[in-house]
Protein backbone atom coordinates (compact mmCIF):
# COMPACT_ATOMS: atom_id res chain seq x y z
CA MET A 1 0.00 0.00 0.00
CA GLN A 2 1.09 3.52 -0.73
CA GLY A 3 0.76 6.24 1.87
CA PRO A 4 -1.28 9.41 1.40
CA LYS A 5 -0.10 12.08 -1.02
CA PRO A 6 -0.09 15.85 -0.33
CA ALA A 7 -3.09 17.71 -1.74
CA PRO A 8 -2.43 19.42 -5.10
CA GLU A 9 -3.46 22.73 -3.46
CA LEU A 10 -0.18 22.62 -1.51
CA GLU A 11 1.71 23.43 -4.73
CA ARG A 12 0.65 27.08 -4.13
CA VAL A 13 2.37 27.00 -0.72
CA GLU A 14 5.74 26.30 -2.44
CA TYR A 15 5.93 30.08 -3.04
CA PHE A 16 6.73 30.61 0.67
CA VAL A 17 9.71 28.20 0.83
CA GLY A 18 12.95 30.03 1.68
CA THR A 19 14.00 32.92 3.89
CA TRP A 20 11.76 35.98 3.94
CA ILE A 21 12.47 39.39 5.49
CA SER A 22 9.39 41.43 6.42
CA GLU A 23 9.20 45.10 7.39
CA GLY A 24 5.99 46.76 8.43
CA ASP A 25 4.28 49.56 10.27
CA MET A 26 2.03 48.85 13.23
CA LYS A 27 -0.76 51.34 13.84
CA PRO A 28 -1.71 52.21 17.44
CA SER A 29 -4.50 49.78 18.33
CA PRO A 30 -5.66 47.39 21.05
CA MET A 31 -2.88 45.09 19.74
CA GLY A 32 -0.12 47.54 20.76
CA PRO A 33 1.25 51.09 20.71
CA GLY A 34 2.30 51.13 17.06
CA GLY A 35 5.71 51.52 15.41
CA LYS A 36 8.03 49.50 13.22
CA MET A 37 7.93 45.71 12.91
CA THR A 38 10.61 43.47 11.42
CA MET A 39 10.60 39.70 11.00
CA THR A 40 12.81 37.02 9.47
CA GLU A 41 11.09 33.78 8.52
CA ARG A 42 12.88 30.56 7.49
CA ASN A 43 10.44 28.22 5.76
CA GLN A 44 10.89 24.64 4.58
CA TRP A 45 8.76 21.60 3.88
CA MET A 46 8.28 19.07 6.65
CA GLU A 47 9.12 15.53 5.56
CA GLY A 48 6.20 14.17 3.55
CA GLY A 49 5.29 17.54 2.00
CA PHE A 50 2.02 18.03 3.91
CA PHE A 51 3.11 21.04 5.99
CA LEU A 52 5.44 23.98 5.54
CA THR A 53 7.35 24.70 8.75
CA MET A 54 8.00 28.37 9.43
CA HIS A 55 10.56 29.52 12.02
CA SER A 56 10.44 33.25 12.75
CA GLU A 57 12.28 35.89 14.74
CA PHE A 58 10.56 39.25 15.13
CA ASN A 59 10.88 42.67 16.71
CA ILE A 60 7.83 44.84 17.27
CA ALA A 61 8.22 48.41 18.54
CA GLY A 62 6.76 48.76 22.00
CA LEU A 63 6.33 45.00 22.42
CA GLY A 64 9.89 43.73 22.01
CA SER A 65 11.48 40.81 20.25
CA GLY A 66 10.57 37.17 20.12
CA SER A 67 10.32 34.04 18.05
CA GLY A 68 7.64 31.78 16.65
CA MET A 69 6.95 28.46 15.00
CA ALA A 70 4.16 28.01 12.47
CA TYR A 71 2.79 25.31 10.21
CA MET A 72 1.00 25.98 6.92
CA GLY A 73 -1.00 23.22 5.26
CA PHE A 74 -4.28 22.37 3.57
CA ASP A 75 -7.38 20.78 5.12
CA THR A 76 -8.76 18.52 2.38
CA ASP A 77 -12.07 17.98 4.23
CA LYS A 78 -12.86 21.67 4.68
CA LYS A 79 -11.07 22.76 1.47
CA VAL A 80 -9.17 25.57 3.24
CA TYR A 81 -5.53 26.38 3.85
CA THR A 82 -4.46 26.18 7.50
CA TYR A 83 -1.98 28.26 9.49
CA ASP A 84 -1.13 27.48 13.10
CA GLU A 85 1.43 29.62 14.93
CA PHE A 86 2.80 29.50 18.46
CA ASN A 87 5.13 32.27 19.66
CA SER A 88 7.26 33.39 22.58
CA MET A 89 4.64 36.00 23.58
CA GLY A 90 2.32 33.15 24.60
CA GLU A 91 0.06 33.48 21.57
CA ALA A 92 -1.45 30.55 19.70
CA GLU A 93 -2.96 31.58 16.37
CA HIS A 94 -5.21 29.29 14.34
CA SER A 95 -6.21 30.71 10.96
CA THR A 96 -7.85 29.43 7.81
CA GLY A 97 -7.00 30.78 4.40
CA SER A 98 -7.91 30.98 0.76
CA VAL A 99 -6.09 32.14 -2.32
CA ASP A 100 -7.65 33.99 -5.25
CA GLY A 101 -5.23 34.77 -8.07
CA ASP A 102 -2.31 36.63 -6.48
CA THR A 103 -4.04 37.31 -3.13
CA TRP A 104 -4.04 35.15 -0.01
CA THR A 105 -6.56 35.91 2.75
CA TRP A 106 -6.19 34.41 6.23
CA THR A 107 -8.93 34.82 8.84
CA ARG A 108 -9.38 33.97 12.49
CA GLU A 109 -11.30 35.00 15.57
CA GLN A 110 -9.62 35.80 18.86
CA HIS A 111 -10.79 37.01 22.26
CA PRO A 112 -8.29 39.48 23.79
CA GLY A 113 -9.49 40.55 27.22
CA GLY A 114 -12.65 38.49 26.70
CA ASN A 115 -13.80 40.57 23.72
CA ALA A 116 -14.44 38.92 20.35
CA MET A 117 -12.27 40.28 17.54
CA LYS A 118 -11.98 39.03 13.98
CA THR A 119 -8.72 39.41 12.06
CA ARG A 120 -7.80 39.03 8.42
CA PHE A 121 -4.27 38.95 7.08
CA ILE A 122 -4.07 39.74 3.36
CA MET A 123 -0.96 38.95 1.30
CA LYS A 124 -0.70 40.19 -2.28
CA THR A 125 2.01 38.59 -4.41
CA LEU A 126 4.03 41.18 -6.33
CA SER A 127 6.71 38.90 -7.80
CA PRO A 128 8.33 35.50 -7.10
CA THR A 129 10.38 37.24 -4.40
CA SER A 130 8.04 39.82 -2.81
CA TYR A 131 4.57 40.40 -1.47
CA THR A 132 2.73 43.10 0.44
CA PHE A 133 0.71 42.35 3.55
CA LYS A 134 -1.81 43.99 5.82
CA LEU A 135 -3.54 42.96 9.00
CA ASP A 136 -7.09 44.18 9.59
CA THR A 137 -9.24 43.77 12.70
CA SER A 138 -12.98 44.03 13.23
CA PRO A 139 -15.26 43.55 16.23
CA ASP A 140 -18.11 42.35 14.00
CA GLY A 141 -16.63 41.17 10.68
CA SER A 142 -18.01 44.11 8.71
CA ASN A 143 -16.18 47.24 9.91
CA TRP A 144 -12.44 46.68 9.40
CA SER A 145 -9.43 48.73 10.59
CA THR A 146 -5.89 48.20 9.35
CA VAL A 147 -3.50 47.67 12.28
CA MET A 148 -0.38 46.69 10.30
CA ASP A 149 0.90 46.83 6.75
CA GLY A 150 4.22 46.17 5.06
CA LYS A 151 6.24 44.21 2.55
CA ALA A 152 8.13 40.90 2.59
CA THR A 153 11.13 40.11 0.38
CA LYS A 154 12.66 36.70 -0.23
CA GLU A 155 16.42 36.40 0.25
CA LYS A 156 18.39 35.08 -2.72
């Protein structure tokens, strides 16, 4: 018997393999005081090709530096991309995503301080080695505010 094969949708995830440098601007919000954000992400396929492992180091003005570990995959039952991150600030993020042309959209709901908040992280591919990103939040899923935006560039 042969084992399971990775979903064909994971071919789109190949774009993120490699080392990426991100720079962004945080807006003052309930998520923090605002300022510059930098992150380095080192991404590679886990054995088997079902999940991309993503190791990150980041520095966020007003919040400090830290590190994270994330896994990107595809849920064949729900037909959505998955992103699960755990970081040194004690956060555990569980998002689902979709891709339409050159734009990825990741969504999740969180409850900081007991209040429901929806987030969406939008990544727009500019080239094989760069994309822009923005993070929006909403209390109700209809009125969105941008709390971070920036650009990521892949190292050669």
